[in-house]
C-alpha atoms as a PDB file:
ATOM      1  CA  UNK A   1     -17.810  19.333   0.160  1.00  0.00           C
ATOM      2  CA  UNK A   2     -19.260  17.260   3.013  1.00  0.00           C
ATOM      3  CA  UNK A   3     -19.074  13.520   3.862  1.00  0.00           C
ATOM      4  CA  UNK A   4     -22.095  11.791   2.938  1.00  0.00           C
ATOM      5  CA  UNK A   5     -23.397   8.890   5.611  1.00  0.00           C
ATOM      6  CA  UNK A   6     -25.493   6.032   4.451  1.00  0.00           C
ATOM      7  CA  UNK A   7     -28.387   5.381   6.671  1.00  0.00           C
ATOM      8  CA  UNK A   8     -29.229   1.620   6.257  1.00  0.00           C
ATOM      9  CA  UNK A   9     -33.076   0.626   5.681  1.00  0.00           C
ATOM     10  CA  UNK A  10     -33.468  -0.404   9.487  1.00  0.00           C
ATOM     11  CA  UNK A  11     -32.740   3.139  10.658  1.00  0.00           C
ATOM     12  CA  UNK A  12     -34.231   5.439   8.271  1.00  0.00           C
ATOM     13  CA  UNK A  13     -37.436   5.979  10.363  1.00  0.00           C
ATOM     14  CA  UNK A  14     -35.175   7.819  12.648  1.00  0.00           C
ATOM     15  CA  UNK A  15     -33.870  10.194   9.502  1.00  0.00           C
ATOM     16  CA  UNK A  16     -37.096  11.242   8.110  1.00  0.00           C
ATOM     17  CA  UNK A  17     -36.810   8.267   5.744  1.00  0.00           C
ATOM     18  CA  UNK A  18     -33.265   9.795   4.095  1.00  0.00           C
ATOM     19  CA  UNK A  19     -31.035   6.991   2.701  1.00  0.00           C
ATOM     20  CA  UNK A  20     -28.005   9.631   2.761  1.00  0.00           C
ATOM     21  CA  UNK A  21     -27.235  12.578   4.897  1.00  0.00           C
ATOM     22  CA  UNK A  22     -24.461  15.089   4.399  1.00  0.00           C
ATOM     23  CA  UNK A  23     -22.746  16.132   7.260  1.00  0.00           C
ATOM     24  CA  UNK A  24     -19.379  17.969   8.231  1.00  0.00           C
ATOM     25  CA  UNK A  25     -16.708  16.890  10.334  1.00  0.00           C
ATOM     26  CA  UNK A  26     -12.946  15.706  10.401  1.00  0.00           C
ATOM     27  CA  UNK A  27     -13.677  12.167  12.083  1.00  0.00           C
ATOM     28  CA  UNK A  28     -16.158   9.242  11.871  1.00  0.00           C
ATOM     29  CA  UNK A  29     -16.932  10.341  15.592  1.00  0.00           C
ATOM     30  CA  UNK A  30     -17.322  13.987  14.351  1.00  0.00           C
ATOM     31  CA  UNK A  31     -19.804  13.114  11.625  1.00  0.00           C
ATOM     32  CA  UNK A  32     -21.692  10.656  13.601  1.00  0.00           C
ATOM     33  CA  UNK A  33     -22.239  13.548  16.139  1.00  0.00           C
ATOM     34  CA  UNK A  34     -23.388  15.911  13.562  1.00  0.00           C
ATOM     35  CA  UNK A  35     -25.769  12.923  12.339  1.00  0.00           C
ATOM     36  CA  UNK A  36     -27.364  12.733  15.735  1.00  0.00           C
ATOM     37  CA  UNK A  37     -27.174  16.232  16.125  1.00  0.00           C
ATOM     38  CA  UNK A  38     -29.436  16.542  13.210  1.00  0.00           C
ATOM     39  CA  UNK A  39     -31.573  13.390  13.982  1.00  0.00           C
ATOM     40  CA  UNK A  40     -31.778  13.049  17.651  1.00  0.00           C
ATOM     41  CA  UNK A  41     -33.829   9.595  17.596  1.00  0.00           C
ATOM     42  CA  UNK A  42     -31.173   8.012  15.975  1.00  0.00           C
ATOM     43  CA  UNK A  43     -28.646   8.374  19.186  1.00  0.00           C
ATOM     44  CA  UNK A  44     -29.820   5.447  21.182  1.00  0.00           C
ATOM     45  CA  UNK A  45     -29.587   3.000  18.204  1.00  0.00           C
ATOM     46  CA  UNK A  46     -26.032   3.968  17.627  1.00  0.00           C
ATOM     47  CA  UNK A  47     -24.526   4.593  20.859  1.00  0.00           C
ATOM     48  CA  UNK A  48     -24.909   2.910  24.355  1.00  0.00           C
ATOM     49  CA  UNK A  49     -25.880   5.563  27.373  1.00  0.00           C
ATOM     50  CA  UNK A  50     -21.626   5.741  28.033  1.00  0.00           C
ATOM     51  CA  UNK A  51     -21.567   7.285  24.614  1.00  0.00           C
ATOM     52  CA  UNK A  52     -19.643   4.566  23.104  1.00  0.00           C
ATOM     53  CA  UNK A  53     -20.327   3.107  19.662  1.00  0.00           C
ATOM     54  CA  UNK A  54     -22.722  -0.046  20.285  1.00  0.00           C
ATOM     55  CA  UNK A  55     -20.838  -3.373  19.738  1.00  0.00           C
ATOM     56  CA  UNK A  56     -23.392  -4.336  16.904  1.00  0.00           C
ATOM     57  CA  UNK A  57     -22.865  -1.076  14.778  1.00  0.00           C
ATOM     58  CA  UNK A  58     -20.238  -1.332  12.318  1.00  0.00           C
ATOM     59  CA  UNK A  59     -19.204   1.883  10.480  1.00  0.00           C
ATOM     60  CA  UNK A  60     -17.194   1.597   7.404  1.00  0.00           C
ATOM     61  CA  UNK A  61     -15.086   4.570   5.689  1.00  0.00           C
ATOM     62  CA  UNK A  62     -14.925   4.337   1.601  1.00  0.00           C
ATOM     63  CA  UNK A  63     -15.514   0.222   2.459  1.00  0.00           C
ATOM     64  CA  UNK A  64     -12.782   0.256   5.121  1.00  0.00           C
ATOM     65  CA  UNK A  65     -14.029  -1.262   8.563  1.00  0.00           C
ATOM     66  CA  UNK A  66     -13.399   1.403  11.036  1.00  0.00           C
ATOM     67  CA  UNK A  67     -12.606  -1.244  13.824  1.00  0.00           C
ATOM     68  CA  UNK A  68      -9.507  -2.154  11.861  1.00  0.00           C
ATOM     69  CA  UNK A  69      -8.657   1.530  11.488  1.00  0.00           C
ATOM     70  CA  UNK A  70      -8.719   4.084  14.121  1.00  0.00           C
ATOM     71  CA  UNK A  71     -12.398   3.635  15.105  1.00  0.00           C
ATOM     72  CA  UNK A  72     -14.145   6.584  15.698  1.00  0.00           C
ATOM     73  CA  UNK A  73     -10.997   8.528  15.505  1.00  0.00           C
ATOM     74  CA  UNK A  74     -10.816   7.741  11.881  1.00  0.00           C
ATOM     75  CA  UNK A  75     -10.404  10.699   9.727  1.00  0.00           C
ATOM     76  CA  UNK A  76     -12.874  11.531   7.142  1.00  0.00           C
ATOM     77  CA  UNK A  77     -12.275  13.987   4.236  1.00  0.00           C
ATOM     78  CA  UNK A  78     -14.945  15.664   2.017  1.00  0.00           C
ATOM     79  CA  UNK A  79     -16.651  13.493  -0.786  1.00  0.00           C
ATOM     80  CA  UNK A  80     -15.888  10.440   1.536  1.00  0.00           C
ATOM     81  CA  UNK A  81     -18.804   7.803   2.087  1.00  0.00           C
ATOM     82  CA  UNK A  82     -19.302   6.620   5.656  1.00  0.00           C
ATOM     83  CA  UNK A  83     -21.843   3.697   6.086  1.00  0.00           C
ATOM     84  CA  UNK A  84     -23.724   2.316   9.078  1.00  0.00           C
ATOM     85  CA  UNK A  85     -24.106  -1.143   8.911  1.00  0.00           C
ATOM     86  CA  UNK A  86     -25.552  -2.887  11.835  1.00  0.00           C
ATOM     87  CA  UNK A  87     -24.576  -6.235  12.494  1.00  0.00           C
ATOM     88  CA  UNK A  88     -27.497  -8.940  11.698  1.00  0.00           C
ATOM     89  CA  UNK A  89     -27.896 -12.222  13.765  1.00  0.00           C
ATOM     90  CA  UNK A  90     -29.918 -15.319  12.707  1.00  0.00           C
ATOM     91  CA  UNK A  91     -29.660 -18.411  10.640  1.00  0.00           C
ATOM     92  CA  UNK A  92     -28.680 -21.943  11.757  1.00  0.00           C
END
């Protein structure tokens, strides 16, 4: 069983309109790498030129914020759900 990555609406244009993508990997970094290997146009929206996750991209594993875990080294298991949540600015 693979890990499911939930793709936000704003990024689905880069995943052939898929809302969910199933990939294999042991860590958040692994599954994100597998995602961009399959959908290369998504890479610049998730990663900066130095390869680090962009600061406005939040990653959750089963509703837990990876910034409070081990970031991209956070382990994932088959059946876990990884959510990509881009930060949204605005308002007053």
